[in-house]
Structures are given as C-alpha cells and as structure tokens.
C-alpha cells in the first residue's frame, strides 16, 4: 500500500479532514461519514458499518488502488475492486450465503448491504 493511501486510511480511521496531493478526505461530523476524493472526484463514502464505492467518472489504476486501500482497511478481508478485460468488478462478501461473489462494479455500490461482518 502506498504511503498516501496509509495516510488516507489514517484520516478515515481518526475521523479527520486530510489532504495530500491528489487525494482528500473530508469528515462529515453530522452524518458521521468520511468522503474520499481523488482529483476532486468523489470515490468513496466510509461509515462505521459500510463502504460505498464510486469511480468518480474515471476507472483508472489510481482510482482502483485508492478504492482497494479503503476496502483493505474498512471492509471484510478479501473484498475489493479488480479489472478483467478492461471491465471493473467487485469481489463482495454476501453474509446470507456466507461466500464471496463477483459483481459488476457500479458507482454507488455499497459493500455494507450484503457484506455485514459475521458475528464472532
């Protein structure tokens, strides 16, 4: 994981505003969510129990890298964005079937809907 992605995840975890280079985290105290921007484009919203993914209009390697860093720190282990034949997909955990599924990526996809953590 890149240093900028570690700093981004730290800002999300600590519920603070942060900006470095092309990446920015804005914490919304009223809604208790962190919104992540890349080049000014909204790419993720992270709350206590969900991660909502966007491509910001650009399905670039940098966008995918930022989204996967967010998933690594805030989603279920194994969830993330990948590309096959120039098309984006998401590996998403389905708590109902207790298995991972591959679904087509779309802006606004919420990992928290079917990806709630398994009770210990």
PDB file of N, CA and C in Angstrom:
ATOM      1  N   UNK A   1       0.852  -1.179   0.000  1.00  0.00           N
ATOM      2  CA  UNK A   1       0.000   0.000   0.000  1.00  0.00           C
ATOM      3  C   UNK A   1       0.897   1.242   0.000  1.00  0.00           C
ATOM      4  N   UNK A   2       0.515   2.202  -0.791  1.00  0.00           N
ATOM      5  CA  UNK A   2       1.284   3.438  -0.894  1.00  0.00           C
ATOM      6  C   UNK A   2       1.162   4.272   0.383  1.00  0.00           C
ATOM      7  N   UNK A   3       2.177   5.088   0.624  1.00  0.00           N
ATOM      8  CA  UNK A   3       2.180   5.938   1.819  1.00  0.00           C
ATOM      9  C   UNK A   3       0.958   6.855   1.841  1.00  0.00           C
ATOM     10  N   UNK A   4       0.606   7.439   0.708  1.00  0.00           N
ATOM     11  CA  UNK A   4      -0.544   8.338   0.650  1.00  0.00           C
ATOM     12  C   UNK A   4      -1.838   7.589   1.013  1.00  0.00           C
ATOM     13  N   UNK A   5      -1.906   6.311   0.652  1.00  0.00           N
ATOM     14  CA  UNK A   5      -3.089   5.512   0.992  1.00  0.00           C
ATOM     15  C   UNK A   5      -3.118   5.175   2.483  1.00  0.00           C
ATOM     16  N   UNK A   6      -1.954   4.970   3.074  1.00  0.00           N
ATOM     17  CA  UNK A   6      -1.892   4.753   4.519  1.00  0.00           C
ATOM     18  C   UNK A   6      -2.360   6.006   5.263  1.00  0.00           C
ATOM     19  N   UNK A   7      -1.909   7.177   4.800  1.00  0.00           N
ATOM     20  CA  UNK A   7      -2.329   8.434   5.418  1.00  0.00           C
ATOM     21  C   UNK A   7      -3.824   8.665   5.230  1.00  0.00           C
ATOM     22  N   UNK A   8      -4.342   8.341   4.049  1.00  0.00           N
ATOM     23  CA  UNK A   8      -5.773   8.463   3.771  1.00  0.00           C
ATOM     24  C   UNK A   8      -6.576   7.581   4.737  1.00  0.00           C
ATOM     25  N   UNK A   9      -6.153   6.337   4.897  1.00  0.00           N
ATOM     26  CA  UNK A   9      -6.855   5.424   5.808  1.00  0.00           C
ATOM     27  C   UNK A   9      -6.754   5.878   7.261  1.00  0.00           C
ATOM     28  N   UNK A  10      -5.636   6.479   7.628  1.00  0.00           N
ATOM     29  CA  UNK A  10      -5.481   7.009   8.976  1.00  0.00           C
ATOM     30  C   UNK A  10      -6.474   8.148   9.218  1.00  0.00           C
ATOM     31  N   UNK A  11      -6.639   9.018   8.230  1.00  0.00           N
ATOM     32  CA  UNK A  11      -7.598  10.120   8.360  1.00  0.00           C
ATOM     33  C   UNK A  11      -9.018   9.581   8.487  1.00  0.00           C
ATOM     34  N   UNK A  12      -9.345   8.550   7.705  1.00  0.00           N
ATOM     35  CA  UNK A  12     -10.678   7.939   7.804  1.00  0.00           C
ATOM     36  C   UNK A  12     -10.872   7.340   9.195  1.00  0.00           C
ATOM     37  N   UNK A  13      -9.888   6.586   9.670  1.00  0.00           N
ATOM     38  CA  UNK A  13      -9.989   5.930  10.977  1.00  0.00           C
ATOM     39  C   UNK A  13     -10.104   6.931  12.117  1.00  0.00           C
ATOM     40  N   UNK A  14      -9.457   8.086  11.958  1.00  0.00           N
ATOM     41  CA  UNK A  14      -9.458   9.093  13.017  1.00  0.00           C
ATOM     42  C   UNK A  14     -10.515  10.173  12.822  1.00  0.00           C
ATOM     43  N   UNK A  15     -11.354  10.003  11.805  1.00  0.00           N
ATOM     44  CA  UNK A  15     -12.470  10.941  11.537  1.00  0.00           C
ATOM     45  C   UNK A  15     -11.988  12.386  11.455  1.00  0.00           C
ATOM     46  N   UNK A  16     -10.970  12.596  10.615  1.00  0.00           N
ATOM     47  CA  UNK A  16     -10.429  13.951  10.443  1.00  0.00           C
ATOM     48  C   UNK A  16     -10.370  14.311   8.962  1.00  0.00           C
ATOM     49  N   UNK A  17     -10.320  15.610   8.703  1.00  0.00           N
ATOM     50  CA  UNK A  17     -10.096  16.103   7.349  1.00  0.00           C
ATOM     51  C   UNK A  17      -8.607  15.986   7.048  1.00  0.00           C
ATOM     52  N   UNK A  18      -8.291  15.648   5.800  1.00  0.00           N
ATOM     53  CA  UNK A  18      -6.904  15.469   5.399  1.00  0.00           C
ATOM     54  C   UNK A  18      -6.795  15.659   3.892  1.00  0.00           C
ATOM     55  N   UNK A  19      -5.676  16.184   3.440  1.00  0.00           N
ATOM     56  CA  UNK A  19      -5.430  16.338   2.011  1.00  0.00           C
ATOM     57  C   UNK A  19      -3.945  16.237   1.746  1.00  0.00           C
ATOM     58  N   UNK A  20      -3.610  15.487   0.704  1.00  0.00           N
ATOM     59  CA  UNK A  20      -2.227  15.389   0.247  1.00  0.00           C
ATOM     60  C   UNK A  20      -2.245  15.096  -1.242  1.00  0.00           C
ATOM     61  N   UNK A  21      -1.576  15.930  -1.996  1.00  0.00           N
ATOM     62  CA  UNK A  21      -1.512  15.731  -3.439  1.00  0.00           C
ATOM     63  C   UNK A  21      -2.894  15.708  -4.063  1.00  0.00           C
ATOM     64  N   UNK A  22      -3.209  14.604  -4.717  1.00  0.00           N
ATOM     65  CA  UNK A  22      -4.476  14.481  -5.438  1.00  0.00           C
ATOM     66  C   UNK A  22      -5.585  13.810  -4.633  1.00  0.00           C
ATOM     67  N   UNK A  23      -5.335  13.502  -3.365  1.00  0.00           N
ATOM     68  CA  UNK A  23      -6.280  12.732  -2.546  1.00  0.00           C
ATOM     69  C   UNK A  23      -6.714  13.553  -1.338  1.00  0.00           C
ATOM     70  N   UNK A  24      -8.009  13.484  -1.038  1.00  0.00           N
ATOM     71  CA  UNK A  24      -8.557  14.264   0.078  1.00  0.00           C
ATOM     72  C   UNK A  24      -9.610  13.450   0.820  1.00  0.00           C
ATOM     73  N   UNK A  25      -9.621  13.609   2.137  1.00  0.00           N
ATOM     74  CA  UNK A  25     -10.655  13.018   2.995  1.00  0.00           C
ATOM     75  C   UNK A  25     -11.363  14.165   3.693  1.00  0.00           C
ATOM     76  N   UNK A  26     -12.685  14.170   3.612  1.00  0.00           N
ATOM     77  CA  UNK A  26     -13.493  15.155   4.335  1.00  0.00           C
ATOM     78  C   UNK A  26     -14.411  14.396   5.284  1.00  0.00           C
ATOM     79  N   UNK A  27     -14.279  14.706   6.567  1.00  0.00           N
ATOM     80  CA  UNK A  27     -15.137  14.067   7.565  1.00  0.00           C
ATOM     81  C   UNK A  27     -16.375  14.922   7.784  1.00  0.00           C
ATOM     82  N   UNK A  28     -17.536  14.311   7.686  1.00  0.00           N
ATOM     83  CA  UNK A  28     -18.815  14.977   7.919  1.00  0.00           C
ATOM     84  C   UNK A  28     -19.297  14.569   9.312  1.00  0.00           C
ATOM     85  N   UNK A  29     -19.148  15.476  10.281  1.00  0.00           N
ATOM     86  CA  UNK A  29     -19.486  15.170  11.673  1.00  0.00           C
ATOM     87  C   UNK A  29     -20.979  14.932  11.852  1.00  0.00           C
ATOM     88  N   UNK A  30     -21.801  15.617  11.070  1.00  0.00           N
ATOM     89  CA  UNK A  30     -23.250  15.451  11.204  1.00  0.00           C
ATOM     90  C   UNK A  30     -23.684  14.044  10.783  1.00  0.00           C
ATOM     91  N   UNK A  31     -23.180  13.577   9.640  1.00  0.00           N
ATOM     92  CA  UNK A  31     -23.555  12.250   9.139  1.00  0.00           C
ATOM     93  C   UNK A  31     -22.629  11.145   9.640  1.00  0.00           C
ATOM     94  N   UNK A  32     -21.526  11.516  10.284  1.00  0.00           N
ATOM     95  CA  UNK A  32     -20.533  10.559  10.781  1.00  0.00           C
ATOM     96  C   UNK A  32     -19.979   9.676   9.658  1.00  0.00           C
ATOM     97  N   UNK A  33     -19.633  10.306   8.530  1.00  0.00           N
ATOM     98  CA  UNK A  33     -19.030   9.602   7.406  1.00  0.00           C
ATOM     99  C   UNK A  33     -17.800  10.361   6.928  1.00  0.00           C
ATOM    100  N   UNK A  34     -16.893   9.623   6.337  1.00  0.00           N
ATOM    101  CA  UNK A  34     -15.741  10.225   5.665  1.00  0.00           C
ATOM    102  C   UNK A  34     -15.957  10.063   4.170  1.00  0.00           C
ATOM    103  N   UNK A  35     -15.790  11.161   3.445  1.00  0.00           N
ATOM    104  CA  UNK A  35     -15.898  11.129   1.991  1.00  0.00           C
ATOM    105  C   UNK A  35     -14.494  11.290   1.423  1.00  0.00           C
ATOM    106  N   UNK A  36     -14.160  10.443   0.470  1.00  0.00           N
ATOM    107  CA  UNK A  36     -12.828  10.449  -0.119  1.00  0.00           C
ATOM    108  C   UNK A  36     -12.926  10.946  -1.559  1.00  0.00           C
ATOM    109  N   UNK A  37     -11.980  11.833  -1.909  1.00  0.00           N
ATOM    110  CA  UNK A  37     -11.950  12.437  -3.235  1.00  0.00           C
ATOM    111  C   UNK A  37     -10.585  12.202  -3.871  1.00  0.00           C
ATOM    112  N   UNK A  38     -10.589  11.958  -5.165  1.00  0.00           N
ATOM    113  CA  UNK A  38      -9.365  11.833  -5.949  1.00  0.00           C
ATOM    114  C   UNK A  38      -9.474  12.811  -7.109  1.00  0.00           C
ATOM    115  N   UNK A  39      -8.547  13.730  -7.195  1.00  0.00           N
ATOM    116  CA  UNK A  39      -8.596  14.801  -8.203  1.00  0.00           C
ATOM    117  C   UNK A  39      -9.931  15.549  -8.142  1.00  0.00           C
ATOM    118  N   UNK A  40     -10.490  15.694  -6.938  1.00  0.00           N
ATOM    119  CA  UNK A  40     -11.746  16.403  -6.752  1.00  0.00           C
ATOM    120  C   UNK A  40     -12.986  15.584  -7.051  1.00  0.00           C
ATOM    121  N   UNK A  41     -12.820  14.333  -7.461  1.00  0.00           N
ATOM    122  CA  UNK A  41     -13.954  13.452  -7.768  1.00  0.00           C
ATOM    123  C   UNK A  41     -14.229  12.523  -6.586  1.00  0.00           C
ATOM    124  N   UNK A  42     -15.485  12.433  -6.186  1.00  0.00           N
ATOM    125  CA  UNK A  42     -15.892  11.586  -5.066  1.00  0.00           C
ATOM    126  C   UNK A  42     -15.708  10.123  -5.451  1.00  0.00           C
ATOM    127  N   UNK A  43     -14.890   9.386  -4.664  1.00  0.00           N
ATOM    128  CA  UNK A  43     -14.659   7.976  -4.973  1.00  0.00           C
ATOM    129  C   UNK A  43     -15.126   7.015  -3.872  1.00  0.00           C
ATOM    130  N   UNK A  44     -15.395   7.527  -2.673  1.00  0.00           N
ATOM    131  CA  UNK A  44     -15.839   6.618  -1.607  1.00  0.00           C
ATOM    132  C   UNK A  44     -16.487   7.388  -0.467  1.00  0.00           C
ATOM    133  N   UNK A  45     -17.430   6.724   0.177  1.00  0.00           N
ATOM    134  CA  UNK A  45     -18.004   7.210   1.428  1.00  0.00           C
ATOM    135  C   UNK A  45     -17.883   6.068   2.428  1.00  0.00           C
ATOM    136  N   UNK A  46     -17.251   6.360   3.557  1.00  0.00           N
ATOM    137  CA  UNK A  46     -16.996   5.325   4.561  1.00  0.00           C
ATOM    138  C   UNK A  46     -17.695   5.706   5.849  1.00  0.00           C
ATOM    139  N   UNK A  47     -18.544   4.789   6.338  1.00  0.00           N
ATOM    140  CA  UNK A  47     -19.187   4.978   7.630  1.00  0.00           C
ATOM    141  C   UNK A  47     -18.749   3.839   8.542  1.00  0.00           C
ATOM    142  N   UNK A  48     -19.300   3.813   9.726  1.00  0.00           N
ATOM    143  CA  UNK A  48     -18.914   2.786  10.690  1.00  0.00           C
ATOM    144  C   UNK A  48     -19.229   1.381  10.189  1.00  0.00           C
ATOM    145  N   UNK A  49     -20.320   1.227   9.424  1.00  0.00           N
ATOM    146  CA  UNK A  49     -20.746  -0.109   9.025  1.00  0.00           C
ATOM    147  C   UNK A  49     -20.872  -0.330   7.524  1.00  0.00           C
ATOM    148  N   UNK A  50     -20.381   0.604   6.718  1.00  0.00           N
ATOM    149  CA  UNK A  50     -20.447   0.379   5.277  1.00  0.00           C
ATOM    150  C   UNK A  50     -19.381   1.176   4.530  1.00  0.00           C
ATOM    151  N   UNK A  51     -19.122   0.715   3.325  1.00  0.00           N
ATOM    152  CA  UNK A  51     -18.206   1.386   2.412  1.00  0.00           C
ATOM    153  C   UNK A  51     -18.938   1.499   1.076  1.00  0.00           C
ATOM    154  N   UNK A  52     -19.107   2.713   0.616  1.00  0.00           N
ATOM    155  CA  UNK A  52     -19.777   2.942  -0.660  1.00  0.00           C
ATOM    156  C   UNK A  52     -18.722   3.384  -1.672  1.00  0.00           C
ATOM    157  N   UNK A  53     -18.677   2.696  -2.814  1.00  0.00           N
ATOM    158  CA  UNK A  53     -17.642   2.915  -3.808  1.00  0.00           C
ATOM    159  C   UNK A  53     -18.177   3.656  -5.031  1.00  0.00           C
ATOM    160  N   UNK A  54     -17.375   4.562  -5.543  1.00  0.00           N
ATOM    161  CA  UNK A  54     -17.672   5.316  -6.763  1.00  0.00           C
ATOM    162  C   UNK A  54     -16.411   5.313  -7.620  1.00  0.00           C
ATOM    163  N   UNK A  55     -16.544   5.532  -8.918  1.00  0.00           N
ATOM    164  CA  UNK A  55     -15.341   5.642  -9.745  1.00  0.00           C
ATOM    165  C   UNK A  55     -15.006   7.092 -10.077  1.00  0.00           C
ATOM    166  N   UNK A  56     -15.858   8.020  -9.688  1.00  0.00           N
ATOM    167  CA  UNK A  56     -15.595   9.428  -9.945  1.00  0.00           C
ATOM    168  C   UNK A  56     -15.525   9.758 -11.424  1.00  0.00           C
ATOM    169  N   UNK A  57     -16.030   8.852 -12.244  1.00  0.00           N
ATOM    170  CA  UNK A  57     -16.005   9.062 -13.686  1.00  0.00           C
ATOM    171  C   UNK A  57     -14.723   8.589 -14.352  1.00  0.00           C
ATOM    172  N   UNK A  58     -13.796   8.053 -13.546  1.00  0.00           N
ATOM    173  CA  UNK A  58     -12.504   7.622 -14.082  1.00  0.00           C
ATOM    174  C   UNK A  58     -12.143   6.252 -13.538  1.00  0.00           C
ATOM    175  N   UNK A  59     -12.188   5.253 -14.364  1.00  0.00           N
ATOM    176  CA  UNK A  59     -11.780   3.917 -13.928  1.00  0.00           C
ATOM    177  C   UNK A  59     -10.288   3.735 -14.210  1.00  0.00           C
ATOM    178  N   UNK A  60      -9.498   4.486 -13.454  1.00  0.00           N
ATOM    179  CA  UNK A  60      -8.041   4.468 -13.621  1.00  0.00           C
ATOM    180  C   UNK A  60      -7.407   3.517 -12.611  1.00  0.00           C
ATOM    181  N   UNK A  61      -6.138   3.201 -12.846  1.00  0.00           N
ATOM    182  CA  UNK A  61      -5.407   2.364 -11.892  1.00  0.00           C
ATOM    183  C   UNK A  61      -5.284   3.056 -10.538  1.00  0.00           C
ATOM    184  N   UNK A  62      -5.136   4.375 -10.529  1.00  0.00           N
ATOM    185  CA  UNK A  62      -5.028   5.110  -9.267  1.00  0.00           C
ATOM    186  C   UNK A  62      -6.342   5.050  -8.496  1.00  0.00           C
ATOM    187  N   UNK A  63      -7.456   5.243  -9.191  1.00  0.00           N
ATOM    188  CA  UNK A  63      -8.762   5.139  -8.520  1.00  0.00           C
ATOM    189  C   UNK A  63      -8.936   3.755  -7.927  1.00  0.00           C
ATOM    190  N   UNK A  64      -8.623   2.732  -8.692  1.00  0.00           N
ATOM    191  CA  UNK A  64      -8.757   1.347  -8.224  1.00  0.00           C
ATOM    192  C   UNK A  64      -7.849   1.105  -7.023  1.00  0.00           C
ATOM    193  N   UNK A  65      -6.645   1.628  -7.058  1.00  0.00           N
ATOM    194  CA  UNK A  65      -5.715   1.468  -5.946  1.00  0.00           C
ATOM    195  C   UNK A  65      -6.250   2.123  -4.675  1.00  0.00           C
ATOM    196  N   UNK A  66      -6.769   3.340  -4.778  1.00  0.00           N
ATOM    197  CA  UNK A  66      -7.336   4.032  -3.618  1.00  0.00           C
ATOM    198  C   UNK A  66      -8.533   3.242  -3.063  1.00  0.00           C
ATOM    199  N   UNK A  67      -9.407   2.777  -3.952  1.00  0.00           N
ATOM    200  CA  UNK A  67     -10.587   2.018  -3.501  1.00  0.00           C
ATOM    201  C   UNK A  67     -10.172   0.722  -2.806  1.00  0.00           C
ATOM    202  N   UNK A  68      -9.181   0.042  -3.340  1.00  0.00           N
ATOM    203  CA  UNK A  68      -8.727  -1.199  -2.699  1.00  0.00           C
ATOM    204  C   UNK A  68      -8.061  -0.928  -1.357  1.00  0.00           C
ATOM    205  N   UNK A  69      -7.359   0.182  -1.230  1.00  0.00           N
ATOM    206  CA  UNK A  69      -6.770   0.544   0.065  1.00  0.00           C
ATOM    207  C   UNK A  69      -7.883   0.805   1.086  1.00  0.00           C
ATOM    208  N   UNK A  70      -8.938   1.481   0.653  1.00  0.00           N
ATOM    209  CA  UNK A  70     -10.091   1.740   1.526  1.00  0.00           C
ATOM    210  C   UNK A  70     -10.747   0.421   1.917  1.00  0.00           C
ATOM    211  N   UNK A  71     -10.927  -0.479   0.957  1.00  0.00           N
ATOM    212  CA  UNK A  71     -11.526  -1.787   1.250  1.00  0.00           C
ATOM    213  C   UNK A  71     -10.654  -2.582   2.221  1.00  0.00           C
ATOM    214  N   UNK A  72      -9.334  -2.553   2.027  1.00  0.00           N
ATOM    215  CA  UNK A  72      -8.423  -3.291   2.911  1.00  0.00           C
ATOM    216  C   UNK A  72      -8.584  -2.868   4.364  1.00  0.00           C
ATOM    217  N   UNK A  73      -8.808  -1.569   4.582  1.00  0.00           N
ATOM    218  CA  UNK A  73      -8.874  -1.048   5.947  1.00  0.00           C
ATOM    219  C   UNK A  73     -10.293  -1.020   6.519  1.00  0.00           C
ATOM    220  N   UNK A  74     -11.316  -1.023   5.664  1.00  0.00           N
ATOM    221  CA  UNK A  74     -12.670  -0.763   6.162  1.00  0.00           C
ATOM    222  C   UNK A  74     -13.729  -1.784   5.755  1.00  0.00           C
ATOM    223  N   UNK A  75     -13.362  -2.758   4.966  1.00  0.00           N
ATOM    224  CA  UNK A  75     -14.330  -3.767   4.519  1.00  0.00           C
ATOM    225  C   UNK A  75     -13.884  -5.137   5.016  1.00  0.00           C
ATOM    226  N   UNK A  76     -14.611  -6.144   4.645  1.00  0.00           N
ATOM    227  CA  UNK A  76     -14.259  -7.509   5.017  1.00  0.00           C
ATOM    228  C   UNK A  76     -13.039  -7.945   4.206  1.00  0.00           C
ATOM    229  N   UNK A  77     -12.109  -8.626   4.862  1.00  0.00           N
ATOM    230  CA  UNK A  77     -10.895  -9.089   4.179  1.00  0.00           C
ATOM    231  C   UNK A  77     -11.279  -9.894   2.950  1.00  0.00           C
ATOM    232  N   UNK A  78     -10.695  -9.521   1.835  1.00  0.00           N
ATOM    233  CA  UNK A  78     -10.976 -10.217   0.578  1.00  0.00           C
ATOM    234  C   UNK A  78     -11.846  -9.418  -0.372  1.00  0.00           C
ATOM    235  N   UNK A  79     -12.536  -8.400   0.163  1.00  0.00           N
ATOM    236  CA  UNK A  79     -13.357  -7.561  -0.703  1.00  0.00           C
ATOM    237  C   UNK A  79     -12.468  -6.566  -1.419  1.00  0.00           C
ATOM    238  N   UNK A  80     -12.830  -6.238  -2.659  1.00  0.00           N
ATOM    239  CA  UNK A  80     -12.055  -5.250  -3.388  1.00  0.00           C
ATOM    240  C   UNK A  80     -12.470  -5.157  -4.841  1.00  0.00           C
ATOM    241  N   UNK A  81     -11.826  -4.235  -5.535  1.00  0.00           N
ATOM    242  CA  UNK A  81     -12.111  -3.941  -6.936  1.00  0.00           C
ATOM    243  C   UNK A  81     -11.023  -4.572  -7.795  1.00  0.00           C
ATOM    244  N   UNK A  82     -11.426  -5.215  -8.892  1.00  0.00           N
ATOM    245  CA  UNK A  82     -10.443  -5.731  -9.836  1.00  0.00           C
ATOM    246  C   UNK A  82     -10.952  -5.525 -11.255  1.00  0.00           C
ATOM    247  N   UNK A  83     -10.054  -5.715 -12.189  1.00  0.00           N
ATOM    248  CA  UNK A  83     -10.371  -5.471 -13.591  1.00  0.00           C
ATOM    249  C   UNK A  83     -10.104  -6.726 -14.401  1.00  0.00           C
ATOM    250  N   UNK A  84     -11.026  -7.026 -15.318  1.00  0.00           N
ATOM    251  CA  UNK A  84     -10.843  -8.148 -16.235  1.00  0.00           C
ATOM    252  C   UNK A  84     -11.332  -7.700 -17.598  1.00  0.00           C
ATOM    253  N   UNK A  85     -10.483  -7.825 -18.600  1.00  0.00           N
ATOM    254  CA  UNK A  85     -10.827  -7.397 -19.963  1.00  0.00           C
ATOM    255  C   UNK A  85     -11.354  -5.966 -19.987  1.00  0.00           C
ATOM    256  N   UNK A  86     -10.672  -5.075 -19.261  1.00  0.00           N
ATOM    257  CA  UNK A  86     -10.990  -3.638 -19.227  1.00  0.00           C
ATOM    258  C   UNK A  86     -12.309  -3.314 -18.530  1.00  0.00           C
ATOM    259  N   UNK A  87     -12.889  -4.270 -17.838  1.00  0.00           N
ATOM    260  CA  UNK A  87     -14.150  -4.051 -17.128  1.00  0.00           C
ATOM    261  C   UNK A  87     -13.911  -4.238 -15.640  1.00  0.00           C
ATOM    262  N   UNK A  88     -14.449  -3.318 -14.840  1.00  0.00           N
ATOM    263  CA  UNK A  88     -14.289  -3.397 -13.397  1.00  0.00           C
ATOM    264  C   UNK A  88     -15.339  -4.317 -12.767  1.00  0.00           C
ATOM    265  N   UNK A  89     -14.889  -5.038 -11.730  1.00  0.00           N
ATOM    266  CA  UNK A  89     -15.739  -5.905 -10.927  1.00  0.00           C
ATOM    267  C   UNK A  89     -15.403  -5.684  -9.458  1.00  0.00           C
ATOM    268  N   UNK A  90     -16.289  -6.144  -8.594  1.00  0.00           N
ATOM    269  CA  UNK A  90     -16.053  -6.089  -7.151  1.00  0.00           C
ATOM    270  C   UNK A  90     -16.216  -7.491  -6.587  1.00  0.00           C
ATOM    271  N   UNK A  91     -15.262  -7.874  -5.772  1.00  0.00           N
ATOM    272  CA  UNK A  91     -15.383  -9.120  -5.014  1.00  0.00           C
ATOM    273  C   UNK A  91     -16.015  -8.724  -3.693  1.00  0.00           C
ATOM    274  N   UNK A  92     -17.230  -9.235  -3.479  1.00  0.00           N
ATOM    275  CA  UNK A  92     -18.058  -8.790  -2.361  1.00  0.00           C
ATOM    276  C   UNK A  92     -18.504  -9.987  -1.532  1.00  0.00           C
ATOM    277  N   UNK A  93     -18.441  -9.840  -0.212  1.00  0.00           N
ATOM    278  CA  UNK A  93     -18.898 -10.903   0.683  1.00  0.00           C
ATOM    279  C   UNK A  93     -20.402 -10.803   0.860  1.00  0.00           C
ATOM    280  N   UNK A  94     -21.072 -11.929   0.709  1.00  0.00           N
ATOM    281  CA  UNK A  94     -22.518 -11.992   0.920  1.00  0.00           C
ATOM    282  C   UNK A  94     -22.758 -12.727   2.231  1.00  0.00           C
ATOM    283  N   UNK A  95     -23.256 -12.012   3.229  1.00  0.00           N
ATOM    284  CA  UNK A  95     -23.464 -12.598   4.550  1.00  0.00           C
ATOM    285  C   UNK A  95     -24.589 -13.636   4.559  1.00  0.00           C
ATOM    286  N   UNK A  96     -25.510 -13.552   3.615  1.00  0.00           N
ATOM    287  CA  UNK A  96     -26.602 -14.534   3.554  1.00  0.00           C
ATOM    288  C   UNK A  96     -26.099 -15.901   3.111  1.00  0.00           C
ATOM    289  N   UNK A  97     -25.242 -15.929   2.098  1.00  0.00           N
ATOM    290  CA  UNK A  97     -24.724 -17.203   1.592  1.00  0.00           C
ATOM    291  C   UNK A  97     -23.383 -17.565   2.218  1.00  0.00           C
ATOM    292  N   UNK A  98     -22.819 -16.636   3.004  1.00  0.00           N
ATOM    293  CA  UNK A  98     -21.507 -16.833   3.652  1.00  0.00           C
ATOM    294  C   UNK A  98     -20.422 -17.138   2.623  1.00  0.00           C
ATOM    295  N   UNK A  99     -20.472 -16.416   1.511  1.00  0.00           N
ATOM    296  CA  UNK A  99     -19.476 -16.635   0.462  1.00  0.00           C
ATOM    297  C   UNK A  99     -19.201 -15.318  -0.276  1.00  0.00           C
ATOM    298  N   UNK A 100     -18.117 -15.320  -1.031  1.00  0.00           N
ATOM    299  CA  UNK A 100     -17.783 -14.167  -1.850  1.00  0.00           C
ATOM    300  C   UNK A 100     -18.449 -14.303  -3.207  1.00  0.00           C
ATOM    301  N   UNK A 101     -18.853 -13.166  -3.755  1.00  0.00           N
ATOM    302  CA  UNK A 101     -19.450 -13.117  -5.074  1.00  0.00           C
ATOM    303  C   UNK A 101     -18.705 -12.078  -5.896  1.00  0.00           C
ATOM    304  N   UNK A 102     -18.671 -12.276  -7.190  1.00  0.00           N
ATOM    305  CA  UNK A 102     -18.135 -11.273  -8.100  1.00  0.00           C
ATOM    306  C   UNK A 102     -19.309 -10.569  -8.744  1.00  0.00           C
ATOM    307  N   UNK A 103     -19.346  -9.253  -8.578  1.00  0.00           N
ATOM    308  CA  UNK A 103     -20.438  -8.458  -9.146  1.00  0.00           C
ATOM    309  C   UNK A 103     -19.850  -7.348 -10.000  1.00  0.00           C
ATOM    310  N   UNK A 104     -20.560  -6.934 -11.050  1.00  0.00           N
ATOM    311  CA  UNK A 104     -20.070  -5.816 -11.853  1.00  0.00           C
ATOM    312  C   UNK A 104     -19.998  -4.555 -11.001  1.00  0.00           C
ATOM    313  N   UNK A 105     -18.943  -3.774 -11.200  1.00  0.00           N
ATOM    314  CA  UNK A 105     -18.798  -2.515 -10.485  1.00  0.00           C
ATOM    315  C   UNK A 105     -19.810  -1.509 -11.007  1.00  0.00           C
ATOM    316  N   UNK A 106     -20.395  -0.741 -10.102  1.00  0.00           N
ATOM    317  CA  UNK A 106     -21.188   0.427 -10.481  1.00  0.00           C
ATOM    318  C   UNK A 106     -20.986   1.486  -9.417  1.00  0.00           C
ATOM    319  N   UNK A 107     -21.010   2.741  -9.832  1.00  0.00           N
ATOM    320  CA  UNK A 107     -20.836   3.831  -8.878  1.00  0.00           C
ATOM    321  C   UNK A 107     -21.991   3.829  -7.892  1.00  0.00           C
ATOM    322  N   UNK A 108     -21.638   3.847  -6.610  1.00  0.00           N
ATOM    323  CA  UNK A 108     -22.632   3.822  -5.551  1.00  0.00           C
ATOM    324  C   UNK A 108     -22.788   2.453  -4.917  1.00  0.00           C
ATOM    325  N   UNK A 109     -22.039   1.464  -5.396  1.00  0.00           N
ATOM    326  CA  UNK A 109     -22.107   0.119  -4.828  1.00  0.00           C
ATOM    327  C   UNK A 109     -21.760   0.190  -3.345  1.00  0.00           C
ATOM    328  N   UNK A 110     -22.596  -0.404  -2.521  1.00  0.00           N
ATOM    329  CA  UNK A 110     -22.424  -0.344  -1.073  1.00  0.00           C
ATOM    330  C   UNK A 110     -22.040  -1.711  -0.556  1.00  0.00           C
ATOM    331  N   UNK A 111     -20.832  -1.826  -0.033  1.00  0.00           N
ATOM    332  CA  UNK A 111     -20.376  -3.103   0.500  1.00  0.00           C
ATOM    333  C   UNK A 111     -21.078  -3.460   1.800  1.00  0.00           C
ATOM    334  N   UNK A 112     -21.644  -2.501   2.483  1.00  0.00           N
ATOM    335  CA  UNK A 112     -22.296  -2.774   3.757  1.00  0.00           C
ATOM    336  C   UNK A 112     -23.639  -3.469   3.645  1.00  0.00           C
ATOM    337  N   UNK A 113     -24.314  -3.420   2.491  1.00  0.00           N
ATOM    338  CA  UNK A 113     -25.635  -4.016   2.356  1.00  0.00           C
ATOM    339  C   UNK A 113     -25.625  -5.523   2.548  1.00  0.00           C
ATOM    340  N   UNK A 114     -24.738  -6.211   1.839  1.00  0.00           N
ATOM    341  CA  UNK A 114     -24.687  -7.663   1.965  1.00  0.00           C
ATOM    342  C   UNK A 114     -23.386  -8.127   2.578  1.00  0.00           C
ATOM    343  N   UNK A 115     -22.589  -7.178   3.024  1.00  0.00           N
ATOM    344  CA  UNK A 115     -21.262  -7.518   3.499  1.00  0.00           C
ATOM    345  C   UNK A 115     -21.091  -7.256   4.994  1.00  0.00           C
ATOM    346  N   UNK A 116     -22.176  -7.335   5.739  1.00  0.00           N
ATOM    347  CA  UNK A 116     -22.060  -7.104   7.170  1.00  0.00           C
ATOM    348  C   UNK A 116     -21.186  -8.173   7.802  1.00  0.00           C
ATOM    349  N   UNK A 117     -20.337  -7.784   8.726  1.00  0.00           N
ATOM    350  CA  UNK A 117     -19.411  -8.745   9.331  1.00  0.00           C
ATOM    351  C   UNK A 117     -20.138  -9.902   9.987  1.00  0.00           C
ATOM    352  N   UNK A 118     -19.507 -11.045   9.946  1.00  0.00           N
ATOM    353  CA  UNK A 118     -20.035 -12.242  10.597  1.00  0.00           C
ATOM    354  C   UNK A 118     -19.833 -12.100  12.095  1.00  0.00           C
ATOM    355  N   UNK A 119     -20.853 -12.413  12.862  1.00  0.00           N
ATOM    356  CA  UNK A 119     -20.733 -12.347  14.319  1.00  0.00           C
ATOM    357  C   UNK A 119     -19.721 -13.384  14.794  1.00  0.00           C
ATOM    358  N   UNK A 120     -18.901 -12.989  15.743  1.00  0.00           N
ATOM    359  CA  UNK A 120     -17.851 -13.907  16.247  1.00  0.00           C
ATOM    360  C   UNK A 120     -18.428 -14.922  17.188  1.00  0.00           C
TER     361      UNK A 120
END
